[in-house]
Amino acid sequence: MHSENIIKITEDFNPQRVIEEIAYIGKFHRIQGSEGLVKAAEHLYEEVKNLGLETRFIVEYYDGERVFANMKTPIAWEPIYGEVQIQERKITTEKSMLVIMAHSPPGEAEGEIKFVEREEDWGDVKGKIVMVDEDWRDNYRKACEHGAIGYIIYRKGLQNAIPYVGLFLSKEDLRWAKIPAVAIDENWAVEIKNRIKRGKKVKGKILVKSKIKDKEILPIIYATIGKPPYILFSAHLCHPEPGANDNASGSAMLLELARILKRIYDESFRFGFAFLWIPEHIGSGAFIENHAKVNDFYGAINLDMVAGDRIMLIRAPLSRFSVLSGVVEYFLEIFNSAPPSMGRVPEVISSVNPYHLGSDHDIFNFFGIPAITLITWPDPYYHSSEDSVDKLNKRTVEIIGKCALASVLFLSKEALRDFARAYAMKYLGELGMRRKIRISKSLVNRGLYRDGKYLSINIGKDMQENGWLLWSKKGMISPQNLKGEKEKSELKEIYKDRRNMVLLHELLMLGEVLDRKRCFEALSEEYGDYKKNVLMKAIEILQNEDFIKII
């Protein structure tokens, strides 16, 4: 099967069918811990089974206590009805279920609204309804602890859209989380804030009817074509109604890819194919920890928000270097090209980016499976009530869908020795143009060696050295995962620069295969300058909290 034949096969990919499936999935309010997420998963399970795939509905549970890949599941929770009334205006969940902040306790509050923008403002919130525009989860706890009776949030830059923010409360959090929490659009919030700043008292009333349950199903849909080793496709199914781009789009695209691959697969394929629909991060963590054999997977393509206006490819990290990244880059360029006059001209704005955190590719990489993400970013409707089907870009759906399909066919059928070597040279050349490289060459060879075992080619070279740390508790590293209050505060301060969060996780992956000196050199070659002392402080915190052991 040569590239021309692969491209011909991709003509069977139907973006309109994907759009229609997005619209159907978008009818469900798919909050983690809610019945709406389970119903959406049940729908997809039936659709996948009807395609003839080997399909499993895997059941884990949300209960506010269970932990997967370091992430505690939020409480099982069901929204029923919510409303916000401030002076002449009123908004209810009949307009958008996002009026209720995800996982808000039930309750009613009526009183003066206090806009909090400085730390000293917390001294005057007792008996009032607090309104904030940032740090929504941390500020919710402050509002509860300072005696506020209600909580209102908005997000800058959304104008008339209502933001989606989940509180992700645990069972332990219910000891202090008592007040109702709601969301409103930015334009309304700015009006309220301006009145308050002019010295006028603004009164409001909020109501949240919700149900906190003992547990709810955490649904995982897993389907396969053929036998291992697999190329894994993943998409997170969670997020609120309509959640069209994020991420009904990725979930619907997986269904279309499964339809085509089921039809054309035969025993001559180098790989089988696996499809995974999960709640974001927590679901992929549960799957990898409890239901998967890591060595069954060559690599993973994560589809998260694939119907916006700008395409971003996030590569696998240097610690997990794989030709998978190069193949996807290659076909993205092919399918995202307008009819050329002189060379290839991108039809849709696109970029190829080094590894960074943000979706289920994280979990696969942490556990040793090279994973990339295709995503459309930035998205002006991200996590808001305006993330609806009418905003979707059908052409982008087609480009990404055909790229993903062609990539796995190429990996499954083509002779890849020359391509792998060429991509390794391209990758190292890009790094070498920015800074001196030394350790990267060894890591790329290590990645090629692993690729070769799956691709049946003799390429690359394994590394003959041991790492300087053992990542004993693999998964997301976040302040709320830590036990000590001092450690939580210190890691939160480190994470104020989000780049440090990315660097720390890659440092842990590199640290499993390189000695300390070479590990930090490799991190510099991949990302450039960073503050080593800050990362060493984070390492000390993780060591004290038993997330890692220094060998």
Protein backbone atom coordinates (compact mmCIF):
# COMPACT_ATOMS: atom_id res chain seq x y z
CA MET A 1 0.00 0.00 0.00
CA HIS A 2 1.75 3.17 -1.20
CA SER A 3 0.97 6.76 -0.25
CA GLU A 4 -1.20 7.29 -3.34
CA ASN A 5 -3.40 4.34 -2.38
CA ILE A 6 -3.57 5.53 1.23
CA ILE A 7 -4.74 8.97 0.16
CA LYS A 8 -7.37 7.36 -2.08
CA ILE A 9 -8.71 5.33 0.86
CA THR A 10 -9.10 8.49 2.94
CA GLU A 11 -11.73 9.73 0.48
CA ASP A 12 -14.14 7.45 2.34
CA PHE A 13 -13.83 9.69 5.41
CA ASN A 14 -17.13 11.58 5.72
CA PRO A 15 -16.91 14.86 7.68
CA GLN A 16 -20.67 15.40 7.44
CA ARG A 17 -21.29 12.14 9.27
CA VAL A 18 -18.89 13.35 11.98
CA ILE A 19 -20.76 16.67 12.29
CA GLU A 20 -24.08 14.87 12.65
CA GLU A 21 -22.69 12.62 15.37
CA ILE A 22 -21.24 15.67 17.16
CA ALA A 23 -24.72 17.19 17.25
CA TYR A 24 -26.16 14.02 18.79
CA ILE A 25 -23.48 13.66 21.46
CA GLY A 26 -23.88 17.37 22.23
CA LYS A 27 -27.41 16.74 23.53
CA PHE A 28 -25.95 15.18 26.68
CA HIS A 29 -24.73 17.28 29.62
CA ARG A 30 -21.57 15.22 30.07
CA ILE A 31 -20.17 16.42 33.39
CA GLN A 32 -17.78 14.04 35.14
CA GLY A 33 -19.70 12.21 37.85
CA SER A 34 -23.11 12.77 36.25
CA GLU A 35 -25.72 10.56 34.62
CA GLY A 36 -25.47 12.59 31.40
CA LEU A 37 -21.93 11.31 30.83
CA VAL A 38 -23.08 7.73 31.35
CA LYS A 39 -25.94 8.12 28.87
CA ALA A 40 -23.59 9.55 26.24
CA ALA A 41 -21.25 6.59 26.79
CA GLU A 42 -24.13 4.12 26.47
CA HIS A 43 -25.07 5.71 23.16
CA LEU A 44 -21.53 5.40 21.84
CA TYR A 45 -21.23 1.83 23.07
CA GLU A 46 -24.23 0.82 20.97
CA GLU A 47 -22.90 2.71 17.94
CA VAL A 48 -19.49 1.02 18.17
CA LYS A 49 -20.99 -2.42 18.66
CA ASN A 50 -23.13 -1.88 15.57
CA LEU A 51 -19.92 -1.38 13.56
CA GLY A 52 -18.90 -4.91 14.45
CA LEU A 53 -15.89 -4.08 16.64
CA GLU A 54 -14.89 -6.07 19.72
CA THR A 55 -16.32 -3.64 22.26
CA ARG A 56 -16.25 -3.38 26.05
CA PHE A 57 -18.12 -1.07 28.38
CA ILE A 58 -15.70 -0.82 31.29
CA VAL A 59 -17.15 0.37 34.59
CA GLU A 60 -15.19 2.27 37.21
CA TYR A 61 -16.84 4.68 39.64
CA TYR A 62 -16.94 8.31 40.69
CA ASP A 63 -17.31 8.56 44.45
CA GLY A 64 -15.07 11.45 45.46
CA GLU A 65 -12.52 9.02 46.92
CA ARG A 66 -11.08 6.69 44.27
CA VAL A 67 -7.79 7.75 42.70
CA PHE A 68 -6.55 7.03 39.18
CA ALA A 69 -3.11 8.16 37.96
CA ASN A 70 -2.87 10.45 41.03
CA MET A 71 -6.23 12.09 40.31
CA LYS A 72 -9.04 11.76 42.81
CA THR A 73 -12.43 11.26 41.22
CA PRO A 74 -14.91 14.06 41.87
CA ILE A 75 -18.14 13.40 43.72
CA ALA A 76 -21.04 11.74 41.95
CA TRP A 77 -23.33 14.66 41.23
CA GLU A 78 -26.45 15.56 39.32
CA PRO A 79 -27.58 19.08 38.32
CA ILE A 80 -31.32 19.67 38.46
CA TYR A 81 -32.11 23.38 38.19
CA GLY A 82 -30.34 26.68 38.74
CA GLU A 83 -31.01 30.39 38.48
CA VAL A 84 -29.34 33.73 39.03
CA GLN A 85 -31.34 36.93 39.56
CA ILE A 86 -29.61 40.28 39.96
CA GLN A 87 -31.82 43.37 39.99
CA GLU A 88 -33.93 43.34 36.80
CA ARG A 89 -32.21 40.42 35.06
CA LYS A 90 -32.64 36.70 35.57
CA ILE A 91 -31.01 33.68 33.95
CA THR A 92 -31.81 30.01 34.50
CA THR A 93 -30.61 26.59 33.41
CA GLU A 94 -33.31 26.65 30.74
CA LYS A 95 -30.85 28.80 28.79
CA SER A 96 -27.75 26.78 29.71
CA MET A 97 -26.97 24.11 32.29
CA LEU A 98 -23.68 25.93 32.77
CA VAL A 99 -25.48 28.38 35.02
CA ILE A 100 -24.75 25.78 37.71
CA MET A 101 -21.04 25.32 38.30
CA ALA A 102 -20.20 21.64 37.93
CA HIS A 103 -20.26 19.82 41.31
CA SER A 104 -21.87 22.77 43.15
CA PRO A 105 -23.65 21.78 46.35
CA PRO A 106 -27.37 22.62 46.42
CA GLY A 107 -28.45 25.79 48.12
CA GLU A 108 -30.03 29.22 47.93
CA ALA A 109 -28.54 32.60 48.73
CA GLU A 110 -29.89 36.13 48.71
CA GLY A 111 -27.96 39.23 49.61
CA GLU A 112 -25.33 41.79 48.68
CA ILE A 113 -22.80 40.89 45.99
CA LYS A 114 -19.14 41.44 46.79
CA PHE A 115 -16.64 41.47 43.90
CA VAL A 116 -13.30 40.12 45.13
CA GLU A 117 -10.20 41.20 43.22
CA ARG A 118 -7.61 41.66 46.01
CA GLU A 119 -6.63 39.44 48.91
CA GLU A 120 -7.80 42.03 51.44
CA ASP A 121 -11.31 41.90 49.98
CA TRP A 122 -11.87 38.53 51.64
CA GLY A 123 -12.20 40.25 54.99
CA ASP A 124 -15.58 41.66 53.93
CA VAL A 125 -17.43 38.73 52.40
CA LYS A 126 -19.19 37.16 55.39
CA GLY A 127 -22.91 36.91 54.74
CA LYS A 128 -22.48 38.08 51.13
CA ILE A 129 -22.45 36.55 47.67
CA VAL A 130 -18.91 36.55 46.31
CA MET A 131 -18.15 37.22 42.63
CA VAL A 132 -14.71 36.45 41.07
CA ASP A 133 -13.12 36.32 37.62
CA GLU A 134 -10.15 33.97 38.15
CA ASP A 135 -8.77 31.11 40.27
CA TRP A 136 -12.32 29.82 40.46
CA ARG A 137 -11.73 26.60 42.38
CA ASP A 138 -9.29 28.06 44.93
CA ASN A 139 -11.49 31.11 45.43
CA TYR A 140 -14.55 28.90 45.99
CA ARG A 141 -12.83 27.41 49.01
CA LYS A 142 -11.87 30.87 50.27
CA ALA A 143 -15.48 32.01 49.87
CA CYS A 144 -16.69 29.06 51.95
CA GLU A 145 -14.05 29.53 54.64
CA HIS A 146 -14.68 33.29 54.93
CA GLY A 147 -18.40 32.89 55.49
CA ALA A 148 -19.83 33.83 52.10
CA ILE A 149 -23.36 32.56 51.41
CA GLY A 150 -23.10 32.19 47.63
CA TYR A 151 -20.59 32.21 44.80
CA ILE A 152 -20.70 33.68 41.27
CA ILE A 153 -17.99 33.35 38.62
CA TYR A 154 -17.38 34.64 35.12
CA ARG A 155 -14.50 34.38 32.69
CA LYS A 156 -12.75 37.24 30.95
CA GLY A 157 -12.95 37.25 27.18
CA LEU A 158 -16.21 35.34 26.80
CA GLN A 159 -18.56 38.34 26.48
CA ASN A 160 -22.07 36.80 26.23
CA ALA A 161 -21.03 33.19 26.87
CA ILE A 162 -21.38 31.39 30.18
CA PRO A 163 -18.13 29.65 31.22
CA TYR A 164 -17.72 26.01 32.13
CA VAL A 165 -15.71 25.51 35.29
CA GLY A 166 -15.85 22.32 37.34
CA LEU A 167 -15.22 22.43 41.07
CA PHE A 168 -14.19 18.73 41.01
CA LEU A 169 -15.03 18.38 44.69
CA SER A 170 -13.92 15.27 46.52
CA LYS A 171 -15.86 13.59 49.32
CA GLU A 172 -13.46 15.13 51.81
CA ASP A 173 -14.13 18.58 50.33
CA LEU A 174 -17.80 18.29 51.30
CA ARG A 175 -16.79 19.05 54.89
CA TRP A 176 -16.28 22.69 53.91
CA ALA A 177 -17.96 23.03 50.50
CA LYS A 178 -21.43 24.17 51.47
CA ILE A 179 -22.48 27.17 49.39
CA PRO A 180 -24.17 27.22 45.95
CA ALA A 181 -21.96 28.18 43.00
CA VAL A 182 -23.15 29.63 39.68
CA ALA A 183 -21.73 31.15 36.50
CA ILE A 184 -22.81 34.14 34.41
CA ASP A 185 -21.59 35.79 31.21
CA GLU A 186 -18.85 38.39 31.22
CA ASN A 187 -20.93 41.32 29.93
CA TRP A 188 -23.42 40.98 32.77
CA ALA A 189 -20.66 40.51 35.33
CA VAL A 190 -18.84 43.65 34.17
CA GLU A 191 -22.04 45.68 34.57
CA ILE A 192 -22.38 44.39 38.13
CA LYS A 193 -18.72 45.00 38.91
CA ASN A 194 -18.87 48.57 37.59
CA ARG A 195 -21.91 49.37 39.74
CA ILE A 196 -20.12 48.06 42.80
CA LYS A 197 -17.00 50.08 41.99
CA ARG A 198 -19.16 53.21 41.76
CA GLY A 199 -20.14 52.59 45.37
CA LYS A 200 -23.61 51.17 44.71
CA LYS A 201 -24.85 48.14 46.57
CA VAL A 202 -25.95 45.36 44.26
CA LYS A 203 -28.17 42.61 45.59
CA GLY A 204 -28.77 39.25 44.01
CA LYS A 205 -30.35 35.88 44.47
CA ILE A 206 -28.96 32.52 43.38
CA LEU A 207 -30.48 29.06 43.50
CA VAL A 208 -28.89 25.67 42.85
CA LYS A 209 -30.84 22.44 42.91
CA SER A 210 -28.41 19.54 42.61
CA LYS A 211 -28.04 16.07 44.02
CA ILE A 212 -24.89 14.64 45.54
CA LYS A 213 -24.88 10.85 45.19
CA ASP A 214 -22.82 8.07 46.77
CA LYS A 215 -21.40 7.00 43.43
CA GLU A 216 -21.89 7.13 39.67
CA ILE A 217 -20.47 5.05 36.84
CA LEU A 218 -17.19 6.28 35.38
CA PRO A 219 -17.68 4.96 31.83
CA ILE A 220 -14.87 3.73 29.57
CA ILE A 221 -15.62 2.47 26.07
CA TYR A 222 -12.84 0.33 24.61
CA ALA A 223 -13.00 -1.30 21.18
CA THR A 224 -10.48 -3.11 19.00
CA ILE A 225 -9.92 -4.20 15.42
CA GLY A 226 -7.44 -7.00 14.84
CA LYS A 227 -4.88 -7.98 17.44
CA PRO A 228 -1.99 -6.30 19.26
CA PRO A 229 0.22 -4.43 18.89
CA TYR A 230 -2.32 -1.65 18.50
CA ILE A 231 -2.27 1.94 17.45
CA LEU A 232 -4.59 3.54 19.96
CA PHE A 233 -7.05 6.33 19.15
CA SER A 234 -8.46 8.22 22.13
CA ALA A 235 -10.94 11.00 22.76
CA HIS A 236 -12.46 12.30 25.96
CA LEU A 237 -16.25 12.17 26.03
CA CYS A 238 -16.84 14.41 29.05
CA HIS A 239 -17.73 18.14 29.19
CA PRO A 240 -21.00 20.02 29.26
CA GLU A 241 -23.85 20.34 26.80
CA PRO A 242 -23.31 21.18 23.98
CA GLY A 243 -19.50 20.80 24.15
CA ALA A 244 -19.43 20.42 20.38
CA ASN A 245 -15.76 21.02 19.67
CA ASP A 246 -14.69 20.04 23.19
CA ASN A 247 -14.99 17.16 22.81
CA ALA A 248 -17.97 15.73 21.04
CA SER A 249 -15.85 16.35 17.95
CA GLY A 250 -13.05 13.96 18.88
CA SER A 251 -15.51 11.35 20.15
CA ALA A 252 -17.48 11.48 16.88
CA MET A 253 -14.33 11.35 14.76
CA LEU A 254 -13.21 8.16 16.51
CA LEU A 255 -16.47 6.54 15.45
CA GLU A 256 -15.91 7.49 11.80
CA LEU A 257 -12.31 6.23 11.87
CA ALA A 258 -13.46 2.95 13.41
CA ARG A 259 -16.05 2.53 10.65
CA ILE A 260 -13.46 2.84 7.88
CA LEU A 261 -10.70 0.82 9.54
CA LYS A 262 -13.11 -2.02 10.32
CA ARG A 263 -14.00 -2.22 6.63
CA ILE A 264 -10.45 -2.25 5.25
CA TYR A 265 -8.49 -4.12 7.92
CA ASP A 266 -6.97 -7.49 7.04
CA GLU A 267 -4.31 -9.78 8.50
CA SER A 268 -1.55 -8.17 6.42
CA PHE A 269 -1.68 -5.02 8.58
CA ARG A 270 1.32 -4.54 10.85
CA PHE A 271 -0.92 -3.14 13.59
CA GLY A 272 -4.37 -3.65 14.97
CA PHE A 273 -6.39 -0.61 16.03
CA ALA A 274 -7.85 0.29 19.41
CA PHE A 275 -10.38 3.00 20.23
CA LEU A 276 -10.88 4.55 23.64
CA TRP A 277 -13.60 6.93 24.80
CA ILE A 278 -12.99 8.17 28.32
CA PRO A 279 -13.60 11.02 30.74
CA GLU A 280 -10.56 13.27 30.35
CA HIS A 281 -7.39 12.29 32.23
CA ILE A 282 -9.19 10.38 35.01
CA GLY A 283 -10.63 7.91 32.51
CA SER A 284 -7.38 7.36 30.62
CA GLY A 285 -5.63 6.96 33.98
CA ALA A 286 -8.15 4.33 35.10
CA PHE A 287 -7.82 2.50 31.78
CA ILE A 288 -4.03 2.38 31.75
CA GLU A 289 -3.72 1.44 35.43
CA ASN A 290 -6.44 -1.20 35.59
CA HIS A 291 -7.41 -2.44 32.13
CA ALA A 292 -4.48 -2.22 29.72
CA LYS A 293 -1.20 -3.91 28.90
CA VAL A 294 1.14 -1.06 28.01
CA ASN A 295 3.26 -3.18 25.68
CA ASP A 296 0.17 -3.89 23.55
CA PHE A 297 0.31 -0.33 22.22
CA TYR A 298 2.80 1.03 19.72
CA GLY A 299 1.56 4.59 20.10
CA ALA A 300 -1.49 6.75 20.63
CA ILE A 301 -3.24 9.47 18.64
CA ASN A 302 -5.41 11.60 20.89
CA LEU A 303 -8.17 13.66 19.26
CA ASP A 304 -9.25 16.60 21.41
CA MET A 305 -11.24 19.44 19.83
CA VAL A 306 -10.83 18.65 16.14
CA ALA A 307 -13.42 20.98 14.60
CA GLY A 308 -12.16 24.52 15.24
CA ASP A 309 -10.36 26.94 12.95
CA ARG A 310 -6.66 26.43 13.78
CA ILE A 311 -4.88 23.10 13.86
CA MET A 312 -2.19 22.26 16.40
CA LEU A 313 -0.18 19.06 16.52
CA ILE A 314 1.44 18.32 19.87
CA ARG A 315 4.38 15.97 19.44
CA ALA A 316 5.37 13.16 21.77
CA PRO A 317 8.05 14.33 24.22
CA LEU A 318 11.73 13.75 23.56
CA SER A 319 11.70 11.13 26.32
CA ARG A 320 9.16 9.19 24.23
CA PHE A 321 10.49 10.05 20.78
CA SER A 322 8.71 8.16 18.02
CA VAL A 323 8.35 8.27 14.26
CA LEU A 324 4.61 8.43 15.01
CA SER A 325 4.98 12.20 15.43
CA GLY A 326 6.73 12.48 12.08
CA VAL A 327 4.14 10.47 10.17
CA VAL A 328 1.30 12.60 11.52
CA GLU A 329 3.25 15.78 10.68
CA TYR A 330 3.79 14.49 7.15
CA PHE A 331 0.14 13.76 6.45
CA LEU A 332 -1.07 16.92 8.16
CA GLU A 333 1.00 18.90 5.64
CA ILE A 334 -0.40 16.86 2.76
CA PHE A 335 -4.07 17.20 3.69
CA ASN A 336 -3.79 20.79 4.91
CA SER A 337 -2.58 22.11 1.56
CA ALA A 338 -4.49 24.36 -0.80
CA PRO A 339 -4.04 23.62 -4.51
CA PRO A 340 -0.38 24.61 -4.93
CA SER A 341 0.97 27.09 -7.43
CA MET A 342 4.49 27.03 -6.04
CA GLY A 343 4.94 24.57 -3.20
CA ARG A 344 2.49 23.68 -0.46
CA VAL A 345 0.38 26.46 1.04
CA PRO A 346 -1.51 25.66 4.28
CA GLU A 347 -5.25 25.91 3.82
CA VAL A 348 -5.90 26.18 7.56
CA ILE A 349 -3.51 27.90 9.98
CA SER A 350 -1.56 25.12 11.65
CA SER A 351 1.45 24.56 13.88
CA VAL A 352 3.60 21.71 15.14
CA ASN A 353 4.51 22.04 18.80
CA PRO A 354 6.80 20.30 21.29
CA TYR A 355 5.16 18.25 23.98
CA HIS A 356 3.07 20.08 26.54
CA LEU A 357 0.34 19.07 28.96
CA GLY A 358 -3.38 19.33 28.49
CA SER A 359 -5.14 16.16 27.38
CA ASP A 360 -5.12 12.36 27.51
CA HIS A 361 -1.86 12.09 25.58
CA ASP A 362 -0.25 13.01 28.91
CA ILE A 363 -1.29 9.77 30.60
CA PHE A 364 -0.13 7.55 27.74
CA ASN A 365 3.27 9.25 27.62
CA PHE A 366 3.71 9.01 31.40
CA PHE A 367 3.20 5.23 31.19
CA GLY A 368 5.61 4.79 28.27
CA ILE A 369 3.32 4.88 25.22
CA PRO A 370 4.42 7.60 22.74
CA ALA A 371 1.37 9.77 22.19
CA ILE A 372 0.51 12.86 20.19
CA THR A 373 -2.55 15.11 20.19
CA LEU A 374 -4.33 16.72 17.28
CA ILE A 375 -6.31 19.70 18.50
CA THR A 376 -7.74 22.96 17.17
CA TRP A 377 -6.39 25.71 19.35
CA PRO A 378 -6.96 28.43 20.33
CA ASP A 379 -10.74 28.23 20.36
CA PRO A 380 -12.72 31.37 21.32
CA TYR A 381 -15.65 29.24 22.52
CA TYR A 382 -13.56 26.90 24.69
CA HIS A 383 -15.31 25.75 27.87
CA SER A 384 -18.36 27.88 27.32
CA SER A 385 -22.05 27.73 26.46
CA GLU A 386 -21.19 28.89 22.93
CA ASP A 387 -19.26 25.73 22.02
CA SER A 388 -22.04 24.67 19.66
CA VAL A 389 -22.34 22.86 16.34
CA ASP A 390 -22.88 26.04 14.32
CA LYS A 391 -19.33 27.18 15.22
CA LEU A 392 -17.63 24.07 13.81
CA ASN A 393 -15.34 24.04 10.79
CA LYS A 394 -16.25 21.09 8.57
CA ARG A 395 -13.10 21.47 6.48
CA THR A 396 -10.90 21.16 9.55
CA VAL A 397 -12.77 18.00 10.54
CA GLU A 398 -11.95 16.59 7.11
CA ILE A 399 -8.26 17.55 7.26
CA ILE A 400 -7.67 16.09 10.72
CA GLY A 401 -9.74 12.97 10.07
CA LYS A 402 -7.94 12.15 6.84
CA CYS A 403 -4.56 12.91 8.43
CA ALA A 404 -5.23 10.51 11.33
CA LEU A 405 -6.52 7.80 9.00
CA ALA A 406 -3.65 8.08 6.52
CA SER A 407 -1.09 8.12 9.33
CA VAL A 408 -2.13 4.77 10.78
CA LEU A 409 -2.43 3.17 7.34
CA PHE A 410 1.08 4.38 6.48
CA LEU A 411 2.43 2.99 9.75
CA SER A 412 0.63 -0.30 9.22
CA LYS A 413 1.63 -0.99 5.62
CA GLU A 414 4.67 1.00 4.45
CA ALA A 415 8.38 0.21 4.67
CA LEU A 416 9.49 2.87 7.13
CA ARG A 417 13.26 2.64 7.57
CA ASP A 418 14.10 5.58 5.28
CA PHE A 419 11.21 7.68 6.55
CA ALA A 420 12.18 7.07 10.19
CA ARG A 421 15.78 8.09 9.55
CA ALA A 422 14.71 11.18 7.64
CA TYR A 423 12.33 12.27 10.41
CA ALA A 424 15.01 11.73 13.07
CA MET A 425 17.36 13.99 11.07
CA LYS A 426 14.62 16.60 10.65
CA TYR A 427 13.76 16.57 14.36
CA LEU A 428 17.37 16.80 15.49
CA GLY A 429 18.03 19.46 12.88
CA GLU A 430 15.25 21.63 14.28
CA LEU A 431 16.67 21.33 17.80
CA GLY A 432 20.22 21.88 16.53
CA MET A 433 19.31 25.13 14.81
CA ARG A 434 18.18 26.55 18.17
CA ARG A 435 20.87 25.24 20.53
CA LYS A 436 23.65 22.72 20.89
CA ILE A 437 22.43 19.15 21.15
CA ARG A 438 24.17 16.08 22.49
CA ILE A 439 21.86 13.99 24.66
CA SER A 440 18.96 14.36 22.23
CA LYS A 441 20.76 12.15 19.70
CA SER A 442 20.85 9.27 22.18
CA LEU A 443 17.16 9.73 23.07
CA VAL A 444 16.13 9.83 19.42
CA ASN A 445 18.12 6.63 18.78
CA ARG A 446 16.41 5.06 21.79
CA GLY A 447 13.01 6.01 20.35
CA LEU A 448 13.95 4.63 16.94
CA TYR A 449 15.06 1.38 18.57
CA ARG A 450 11.64 0.99 20.16
CA ASP A 451 9.95 1.93 16.87
CA GLY A 452 12.02 -0.70 15.10
CA LYS A 453 10.77 -3.49 17.34
CA TYR A 454 7.15 -2.64 16.44
CA LEU A 455 7.83 -1.80 12.79
CA SER A 456 10.02 -4.88 12.14
CA ILE A 457 13.03 -2.84 11.06
CA ASN A 458 16.55 -2.69 12.46
CA ILE A 459 17.02 0.94 13.41
CA GLY A 460 18.23 3.04 16.30
CA LYS A 461 20.09 1.96 19.40
CA ASP A 462 18.93 1.27 22.94
CA MET A 463 20.45 3.22 25.82
CA GLN A 464 22.78 1.38 28.14
CA GLU A 465 22.24 3.42 31.27
CA ASN A 466 19.85 3.71 34.17
CA GLY A 467 17.82 6.69 35.28
CA TRP A 468 18.40 8.63 38.47
CA LEU A 469 14.84 8.44 39.76
CA LEU A 470 11.95 6.04 40.03
CA TRP A 471 8.54 7.58 39.32
CA SER A 472 6.66 5.32 41.71
CA LYS A 473 3.31 7.14 41.55
CA LYS A 474 2.83 7.80 37.86
CA GLY A 475 0.18 10.25 36.74
CA MET A 476 -0.65 13.92 36.90
CA ILE A 477 1.33 15.88 39.47
CA SER A 478 -0.75 18.72 40.85
CA PRO A 479 -0.86 20.57 44.17
CA GLN A 480 -4.19 19.02 45.17
CA ASN A 481 -2.58 15.56 44.93
CA LEU A 482 -0.22 16.36 47.78
CA LYS A 483 -0.90 15.73 51.46
CA GLY A 484 1.11 18.47 53.13
CA GLU A 485 -0.29 22.00 53.11
CA LYS A 486 3.20 23.47 52.87
CA GLU A 487 4.02 21.24 49.88
CA LYS A 488 0.73 22.13 48.20
CA SER A 489 1.47 25.82 48.58
CA GLU A 490 5.05 25.47 47.29
CA LEU A 491 4.07 23.45 44.20
CA LYS A 492 1.23 25.85 43.46
CA GLU A 493 3.75 28.70 43.50
CA ILE A 494 6.02 26.77 41.10
CA TYR A 495 3.05 26.14 38.79
CA LYS A 496 2.19 29.81 38.50
CA ASP A 497 4.46 29.57 35.49
CA ARG A 498 2.60 26.81 33.61
CA ARG A 499 5.77 26.01 31.68
CA ASN A 500 7.21 24.58 34.90
CA MET A 501 4.38 22.05 34.99
CA VAL A 502 5.32 20.79 31.53
CA LEU A 503 9.05 20.77 32.35
CA LEU A 504 8.52 18.85 35.59
CA HIS A 505 6.55 16.03 33.97
CA GLU A 506 9.07 15.69 31.15
CA LEU A 507 11.86 15.79 33.72
CA LEU A 508 10.29 12.78 35.46
CA MET A 509 10.07 10.87 32.17
CA LEU A 510 13.66 11.73 31.25
CA GLY A 511 14.80 10.90 34.76
CA GLU A 512 13.69 7.31 34.31
CA VAL A 513 16.29 6.70 31.56
CA LEU A 514 19.10 9.25 32.09
CA ASP A 515 21.46 10.11 34.93
CA ARG A 516 20.86 13.44 36.65
CA LYS A 517 23.36 15.52 34.70
CA ARG A 518 22.30 14.20 31.27
CA CYS A 519 18.65 14.45 32.24
CA PHE A 520 18.85 18.20 32.83
CA GLU A 521 20.97 18.65 29.70
CA ALA A 522 18.33 16.86 27.63
CA LEU A 523 15.58 19.03 29.10
CA SER A 524 17.55 22.12 28.07
CA GLU A 525 18.07 20.77 24.55
CA GLU A 526 14.33 20.14 24.19
CA TYR A 527 12.94 23.32 25.76
CA GLY A 528 15.75 25.84 26.10
CA ASP A 529 16.50 27.80 29.24
CA TYR A 530 14.72 27.08 32.52
CA LYS A 531 15.31 27.55 36.24
CA LYS A 532 16.94 24.35 37.44
CA ASN A 533 16.65 25.32 41.11
CA VAL A 534 12.87 25.63 40.76
CA LEU A 535 12.57 22.15 39.25
CA MET A 536 14.87 20.69 41.90
CA LYS A 537 12.58 22.19 44.54
CA ALA A 538 9.65 20.42 42.87
CA ILE A 539 11.66 17.17 42.85
CA GLU A 540 12.31 17.59 46.58
CA ILE A 541 8.59 18.06 47.20
CA LEU A 542 7.70 14.93 45.20
CA GLN A 543 10.37 12.94 47.01
CA ASN A 544 9.02 14.01 50.40
CA GLU A 545 5.51 13.06 49.28
CA ASP A 546 6.68 9.62 48.04
CA PHE A 547 5.77 10.24 44.40
CA ILE A 548 9.36 9.52 43.36
CA LYS A 549 12.43 7.80 44.73
CA ILE A 550 15.97 8.94 43.97
CA ILE A 551 18.05 5.96 42.89
